[in-house]
Every structure is written in C-alpha cells, then in structure tokens.
PDB file of N, CA and C in Angstrom:
ATOM      1  N   MET A   1     155.815 116.932 181.720  1.00  0.00           N
ATOM      2  CA  MET A   1     156.509 117.688 180.670  1.00  0.00           C
ATOM      3  C   MET A   1     157.867 117.207 180.245  1.00  0.00           C
ATOM      4  N   LYS A   2     158.062 117.109 178.871  1.00  0.00           N
ATOM      5  CA  LYS A   2     159.547 116.592 178.346  1.00  0.00           C
ATOM      6  C   LYS A   2     159.937 117.638 177.359  1.00  0.00           C
ATOM      7  N   THR A   3     161.156 117.678 177.107  1.00  0.00           N
ATOM      8  CA  THR A   3     161.880 118.826 176.250  1.00  0.00           C
ATOM      9  C   THR A   3     161.092 118.194 174.820  1.00  0.00           C
ATOM     10  N   GLY A   4     160.815 119.386 173.863  1.00  0.00           N
ATOM     11  CA  GLY A   4     160.187 119.307 172.815  1.00  0.00           C
ATOM     12  C   GLY A   4     158.807 119.263 172.634  1.00  0.00           C
ATOM     13  N   GLU A   5     158.150 119.105 173.871  1.00  0.00           N
ATOM     14  CA  GLU A   5     156.507 119.080 174.054  1.00  0.00           C
ATOM     15  C   GLU A   5     156.211 120.533 173.976  1.00  0.00           C
ATOM     16  N   LYS A   6     155.059 121.019 173.716  1.00  0.00           N
ATOM     17  CA  LYS A   6     154.410 122.130 173.621  1.00  0.00           C
ATOM     18  C   LYS A   6     153.886 122.776 175.159  1.00  0.00           C
ATOM     19  N   ALA A   7     154.009 123.756 175.560  1.00  0.00           N
ATOM     20  CA  ALA A   7     153.559 124.331 176.966  1.00  0.00           C
ATOM     21  C   ALA A   7     153.429 125.528 176.847  1.00  0.00           C
ATOM     22  N   LYS A   8     152.676 126.036 177.828  1.00  0.00           N
ATOM     23  CA  LYS A   8     152.174 127.533 177.888  1.00  0.00           C
ATOM     24  C   LYS A   8     152.582 128.069 179.306  1.00  0.00           C
ATOM     25  N   VAL A   9     152.915 129.324 179.371  1.00  0.00           N
ATOM     26  CA  VAL A   9     153.286 129.977 180.826  1.00  0.00           C
ATOM     27  C   VAL A   9     151.981 130.938 181.185  1.00  0.00           C
ATOM     28  N   ASP A  10     151.900 130.881 182.395  1.00  0.00           N
ATOM     29  CA  ASP A  10     150.772 131.809 182.843  1.00  0.00           C
ATOM     30  C   ASP A  10     151.307 133.212 182.911  1.00  0.00           C
ATOM     31  N   PRO A  11     150.131 133.993 182.608  1.00  0.00           N
ATOM     32  CA  PRO A  11     150.233 135.464 182.521  1.00  0.00           C
ATOM     33  C   PRO A  11     150.722 136.299 183.563  1.00  0.00           C
ATOM     34  N   ASN A  12     150.113 135.620 184.763  1.00  0.00           N
ATOM     35  CA  ASN A  12     150.527 136.137 186.175  1.00  0.00           C
ATOM     36  C   ASN A  12     151.974 136.008 186.362  1.00  0.00           C
ATOM     37  N   PHE A  13     152.793 135.105 185.827  1.00  0.00           N
ATOM     38  CA  PHE A  13     154.204 135.080 185.846  1.00  0.00           C
ATOM     39  C   PHE A  13     154.875 136.024 185.030  1.00  0.00           C
ATOM     40  N   THR A  14     154.467 136.036 183.645  1.00  0.00           N
ATOM     41  CA  THR A  14     155.108 136.880 182.697  1.00  0.00           C
ATOM     42  C   THR A  14     154.731 138.213 182.674  1.00  0.00           C
ATOM     43  N   GLY A  15     153.740 138.820 182.861  1.00  0.00           N
ATOM     44  CA  GLY A  15     153.152 140.088 182.987  1.00  0.00           C
ATOM     45  C   GLY A  15     152.451 140.509 181.788  1.00  0.00           C
ATOM     46  N   LEU A  16     152.286 139.646 181.077  1.00  0.00           N
ATOM     47  CA  LEU A  16     151.729 139.815 179.756  1.00  0.00           C
ATOM     48  C   LEU A  16     150.118 139.618 179.752  1.00  0.00           C
ATOM     49  N   PRO A  17     149.237 140.086 178.799  1.00  0.00           N
ATOM     50  CA  PRO A  17     147.794 140.189 179.057  1.00  0.00           C
ATOM     51  C   PRO A  17     147.224 138.529 178.775  1.00  0.00           C
ATOM     52  N   SER A  18     148.084 137.922 178.296  1.00  0.00           N
ATOM     53  CA  SER A  18     147.553 136.115 177.873  1.00  0.00           C
ATOM     54  C   SER A  18     148.851 135.233 178.151  1.00  0.00           C
ATOM     55  N   TRP A  19     148.098 133.953 177.876  1.00  0.00           N
ATOM     56  CA  TRP A  19     149.087 132.921 178.173  1.00  0.00           C
ATOM     57  C   TRP A  19     150.111 132.932 176.857  1.00  0.00           C
ATOM     58  N   VAL A  20     151.422 132.497 177.098  1.00  0.00           N
ATOM     59  CA  VAL A  20     152.300 132.531 176.107  1.00  0.00           C
ATOM     60  C   VAL A  20     152.652 130.989 176.013  1.00  0.00           C
ATOM     61  N   GLU A  21     152.436 130.639 174.533  1.00  0.00           N
ATOM     62  CA  GLU A  21     152.665 129.165 174.162  1.00  0.00           C
ATOM     63  C   GLU A  21     153.857 129.141 173.341  1.00  0.00           C
ATOM     64  N   GLY A  22     154.634 127.811 173.705  1.00  0.00           N
ATOM     65  CA  GLY A  22     156.015 127.478 173.083  1.00  0.00           C
ATOM     66  C   GLY A  22     156.378 126.187 173.156  1.00  0.00           C
ATOM     67  N   GLU A  23     157.591 125.867 172.869  1.00  0.00           N
ATOM     68  CA  GLU A  23     158.305 124.625 172.992  1.00  0.00           C
ATOM     69  C   GLU A  23     159.344 124.416 174.200  1.00  0.00           C
ATOM     70  N   VAL A  24     158.978 123.494 174.956  1.00  0.00           N
ATOM     71  CA  VAL A  24     159.894 123.306 176.081  1.00  0.00           C
ATOM     72  C   VAL A  24     161.361 122.841 175.534  1.00  0.00           C
ATOM     73  N   ILE A  25     162.222 123.719 176.085  1.00  0.00           N
ATOM     74  CA  ILE A  25     163.705 123.380 175.670  1.00  0.00           C
ATOM     75  C   ILE A  25     164.413 123.113 176.782  1.00  0.00           C
ATOM     76  N   ASP A  26     163.949 123.134 177.827  1.00  0.00           N
ATOM     77  CA  ASP A  26     164.815 122.789 179.104  1.00  0.00           C
ATOM     78  C   ASP A  26     164.056 122.470 180.470  1.00  0.00           C
ATOM     79  N   ILE A  27     164.152 121.426 181.160  1.00  0.00           N
ATOM     80  CA  ILE A  27     163.743 121.285 182.419  1.00  0.00           C
ATOM     81  C   ILE A  27     164.922 120.887 183.128  1.00  0.00           C
ATOM     82  N   ARG A  28     164.949 121.521 184.466  1.00  0.00           N
ATOM     83  CA  ARG A  28     166.022 121.325 185.442  1.00  0.00           C
ATOM     84  C   ARG A  28     165.808 121.354 186.765  1.00  0.00           C
ATOM     85  N   ARG A  29     166.530 121.087 187.523  1.00  0.00           N
ATOM     86  CA  ARG A  29     166.041 120.805 189.066  1.00  0.00           C
ATOM     87  C   ARG A  29     166.923 121.885 189.487  1.00  0.00           C
ATOM     88  N   ASN A  30     166.285 123.072 190.245  1.00  0.00           N
ATOM     89  CA  ASN A  30     166.909 124.257 190.758  1.00  0.00           C
ATOM     90  C   ASN A  30     166.793 124.056 192.251  1.00  0.00           C
ATOM     91  N   PRO A  31     167.960 124.108 192.942  1.00  0.00           N
ATOM     92  CA  PRO A  31     167.990 123.791 194.546  1.00  0.00           C
ATOM     93  C   PRO A  31     167.001 124.706 195.197  1.00  0.00           C
ATOM     94  N   PHE A  32     166.843 126.175 194.720  1.00  0.00           N
ATOM     95  CA  PHE A  32     166.026 127.138 195.233  1.00  0.00           C
ATOM     96  C   PHE A  32     164.923 127.096 194.859  1.00  0.00           C
ATOM     97  N   VAL A  33     164.218 126.702 193.817  1.00  0.00           N
ATOM     98  CA  VAL A  33     162.833 126.655 193.494  1.00  0.00           C
ATOM     99  C   VAL A  33     162.100 125.425 193.232  1.00  0.00           C
ATOM    100  N   GLY A  34     163.013 124.424 193.064  1.00  0.00           N
ATOM    101  CA  GLY A  34     162.520 123.123 192.609  1.00  0.00           C
ATOM    102  C   GLY A  34     162.757 122.846 191.287  1.00  0.00           C
ATOM    103  N   MET A  35     161.777 122.203 190.619  1.00  0.00           N
ATOM    104  CA  MET A  35     161.717 121.952 188.992  1.00  0.00           C
ATOM    105  C   MET A  35     161.583 123.392 188.400  1.00  0.00           C
ATOM    106  N   GLU A  36     162.461 123.508 187.534  1.00  0.00           N
ATOM    107  CA  GLU A  36     162.375 124.651 186.420  1.00  0.00           C
ATOM    108  C   GLU A  36     162.192 124.739 184.970  1.00  0.00           C
ATOM    109  N   VAL A  37     161.236 125.125 184.371  1.00  0.00           N
ATOM    110  CA  VAL A  37     160.935 124.875 182.887  1.00  0.00           C
ATOM    111  C   VAL A  37     161.350 126.172 182.405  1.00  0.00           C
ATOM    112  N   ALA A  38     161.883 125.994 180.990  1.00  0.00           N
ATOM    113  CA  ALA A  38     162.288 126.920 180.018  1.00  0.00           C
ATOM    114  C   ALA A  38     161.569 126.615 178.757  1.00  0.00           C
ATOM    115  N   ILE A  39     160.486 127.623 178.005  1.00  0.00           N
ATOM    116  CA  ILE A  39     160.017 127.291 176.850  1.00  0.00           C
ATOM    117  C   ILE A  39     160.605 128.424 176.031  1.00  0.00           C
ATOM    118  N   LYS A  40     160.298 128.427 174.752  1.00  0.00           N
ATOM    119  CA  LYS A  40     160.864 129.125 173.594  1.00  0.00           C
ATOM    120  C   LYS A  40     159.475 129.461 172.718  1.00  0.00           C
ATOM    121  N   ASP A  41     159.163 130.844 172.514  1.00  0.00           N
ATOM    122  CA  ASP A  41     157.800 130.966 171.789  1.00  0.00           C
ATOM    123  C   ASP A  41     158.181 131.178 170.208  1.00  0.00           C
ATOM    124  N   ASN A  42     157.090 131.424 169.405  1.00  0.00           N
ATOM    125  CA  ASN A  42     157.571 131.409 168.250  1.00  0.00           C
ATOM    126  C   ASN A  42     158.395 132.545 167.817  1.00  0.00           C
ATOM    127  N   SER A  43     158.243 133.609 168.643  1.00  0.00           N
ATOM    128  CA  SER A  43     159.236 134.874 168.115  1.00  0.00           C
ATOM    129  C   SER A  43     160.525 134.519 168.728  1.00  0.00           C
ATOM    130  N   GLY A  44     160.977 133.625 169.232  1.00  0.00           N
ATOM    131  CA  GLY A  44     162.061 133.329 169.888  1.00  0.00           C
ATOM    132  C   GLY A  44     162.573 133.783 171.271  1.00  0.00           C
ATOM    133  N   ALA A  45     161.437 134.271 172.089  1.00  0.00           N
ATOM    134  CA  ALA A  45     161.604 134.673 173.609  1.00  0.00           C
ATOM    135  C   ALA A  45     161.524 133.537 174.354  1.00  0.00           C
ATOM    136  N   ILE A  46     162.187 133.331 175.382  1.00  0.00           N
ATOM    137  CA  ILE A  46     162.492 132.267 176.309  1.00  0.00           C
ATOM    138  C   ILE A  46     161.899 133.007 177.358  1.00  0.00           C
ATOM    139  N   PHE A  47     161.086 132.032 178.066  1.00  0.00           N
ATOM    140  CA  PHE A  47     160.492 132.207 179.390  1.00  0.00           C
ATOM    141  C   PHE A  47     161.051 130.763 180.224  1.00  0.00           C
ATOM    142  N   PHE A  48     161.559 131.410 181.325  1.00  0.00           N
ATOM    143  CA  PHE A  48     161.746 130.120 182.565  1.00  0.00           C
ATOM    144  C   PHE A  48     161.399 130.379 183.643  1.00  0.00           C
ATOM    145  N   GLY A  49     160.977 129.566 184.516  1.00  0.00           N
ATOM    146  CA  GLY A  49     160.781 129.886 186.066  1.00  0.00           C
ATOM    147  C   GLY A  49     160.247 128.416 186.687  1.00  0.00           C
ATOM    148  N   PRO A  50     159.555 128.615 187.774  1.00  0.00           N
ATOM    149  CA  PRO A  50     159.030 127.430 188.481  1.00  0.00           C
ATOM    150  C   PRO A  50     158.216 126.743 187.866  1.00  0.00           C
ATOM    151  N   GLU A  51     158.073 125.338 187.792  1.00  0.00           N
ATOM    152  CA  GLU A  51     157.192 124.669 187.189  1.00  0.00           C
ATOM    153  C   GLU A  51     155.681 124.944 187.202  1.00  0.00           C
ATOM    154  N   THR A  52     155.541 125.363 188.569  1.00  0.00           N
ATOM    155  CA  THR A  52     153.884 125.768 188.857  1.00  0.00           C
ATOM    156  C   THR A  52     153.513 126.928 187.845  1.00  0.00           C
ATOM    157  N   TYR A  53     154.189 127.621 187.177  1.00  0.00           N
ATOM    158  CA  TYR A  53     153.560 128.599 186.219  1.00  0.00           C
ATOM    159  C   TYR A  53     153.651 127.938 184.923  1.00  0.00           C
ATOM    160  N   PHE A  54     153.926 126.876 184.633  1.00  0.00           N
ATOM    161  CA  PHE A  54     153.659 126.409 183.229  1.00  0.00           C
ATOM    162  C   PHE A  54     152.532 125.057 183.451  1.00  0.00           C
ATOM    163  N   ARG A  55     152.026 124.888 182.131  1.00  0.00           N
ATOM    164  CA  ARG A  55     150.954 123.996 181.797  1.00  0.00           C
ATOM    165  C   ARG A  55     151.375 123.185 180.408  1.00  0.00           C
ATOM    166  N   PRO A  56     151.286 122.021 180.531  1.00  0.00           N
ATOM    167  CA  PRO A  56     151.347 121.285 179.044  1.00  0.00           C
ATOM    168  C   PRO A  56     150.230 121.632 178.219  1.00  0.00           C
ATOM    169  N   ILE A  57     150.525 121.574 176.758  1.00  0.00           N
ATOM    170  CA  ILE A  57     149.499 121.899 175.833  1.00  0.00           C
ATOM    171  C   ILE A  57     149.188 120.349 175.415  1.00  0.00           C
ATOM    172  N   THR A  58     148.188 119.996 175.654  1.00  0.00           N
ATOM    173  CA  THR A  58     147.533 118.561 175.232  1.00  0.00           C
ATOM    174  C   THR A  58     147.626 118.316 173.723  1.00  0.00           C
ATOM    175  N   HIS A  59     147.666 117.000 173.426  1.00  0.00           N
ATOM    176  CA  HIS A  59     147.247 117.008 171.651  1.00  0.00           C
ATOM    177  C   HIS A  59     145.888 117.184 171.328  1.00  0.00           C
ATOM    178  N   GLN A  60     144.600 117.075 172.388  1.00  0.00           N
ATOM    179  CA  GLN A  60     143.504 117.606 171.875  1.00  0.00           C
ATOM    180  C   GLN A  60     143.611 119.141 171.780  1.00  0.00           C
ATOM    181  N   GLN A  61     144.308 119.716 172.896  1.00  0.00           N
ATOM    182  CA  GLN A  61     144.108 121.362 172.610  1.00  0.00           C
ATOM    183  C   GLN A  61     144.871 121.703 171.273  1.00  0.00           C
ATOM    184  N   LEU A  62     145.852 120.978 170.938  1.00  0.00           N
ATOM    185  CA  LEU A  62     146.680 121.365 169.694  1.00  0.00           C
ATOM    186  C   LEU A  62     145.662 121.152 168.449  1.00  0.00           C
ATOM    187  N   CYS A  63     144.839 120.030 168.505  1.00  0.00           N
ATOM    188  CA  CYS A  63     143.936 119.753 167.334  1.00  0.00           C
ATOM    189  C   CYS A  63     142.716 120.618 167.129  1.00  0.00           C
ATOM    190  N   SER A  64     142.444 121.510 168.492  1.00  0.00           N
ATOM    191  CA  SER A  64     141.283 122.451 168.424  1.00  0.00           C
ATOM    192  C   SER A  64     141.730 123.598 168.054  1.00  0.00           C
ATOM    193  N   LEU A  65     142.803 124.080 167.713  1.00  0.00           N
ATOM    194  CA  LEU A  65     143.313 125.296 167.396  1.00  0.00           C
ATOM    195  C   LEU A  65     143.177 125.517 165.912  1.00  0.00           C
TER     196      LEU A  65
END
C-alpha cells in the first residue's frame, strides 16, 4: 500500500458491522506494532492501526462497485 491508494479496514479492528473503505493518508513504522496504516473515509473519520487489519482495494474491485 502507498499513500493516496484506496484501502479498507477490518471490522474486527473497528468494532463496526462492516469493512470501512477510505484513502491511505499515512504509513509509518511503529517500533511497538511494526507497520502502521492510517486511512480517512468519506465522512472524514480516520482509522489507524497495525497493517494486518488493512487490505488494499484493487483497481478491479473499484471497477465492480
């Protein structure tokens, strides 16, 4: 994943009923959890945490929406 790409965050991490989609706004190395990703959704909410809870949204997935 890179800044500016689309990604989604796992509902097991957010506590919400479904995956949240947004734009990657930051990726950094956290010395305690490893790679950390931050995304911002359409409503402006920011979700950040360990990379394992985030999945990139591929171009093919975007075209099928």
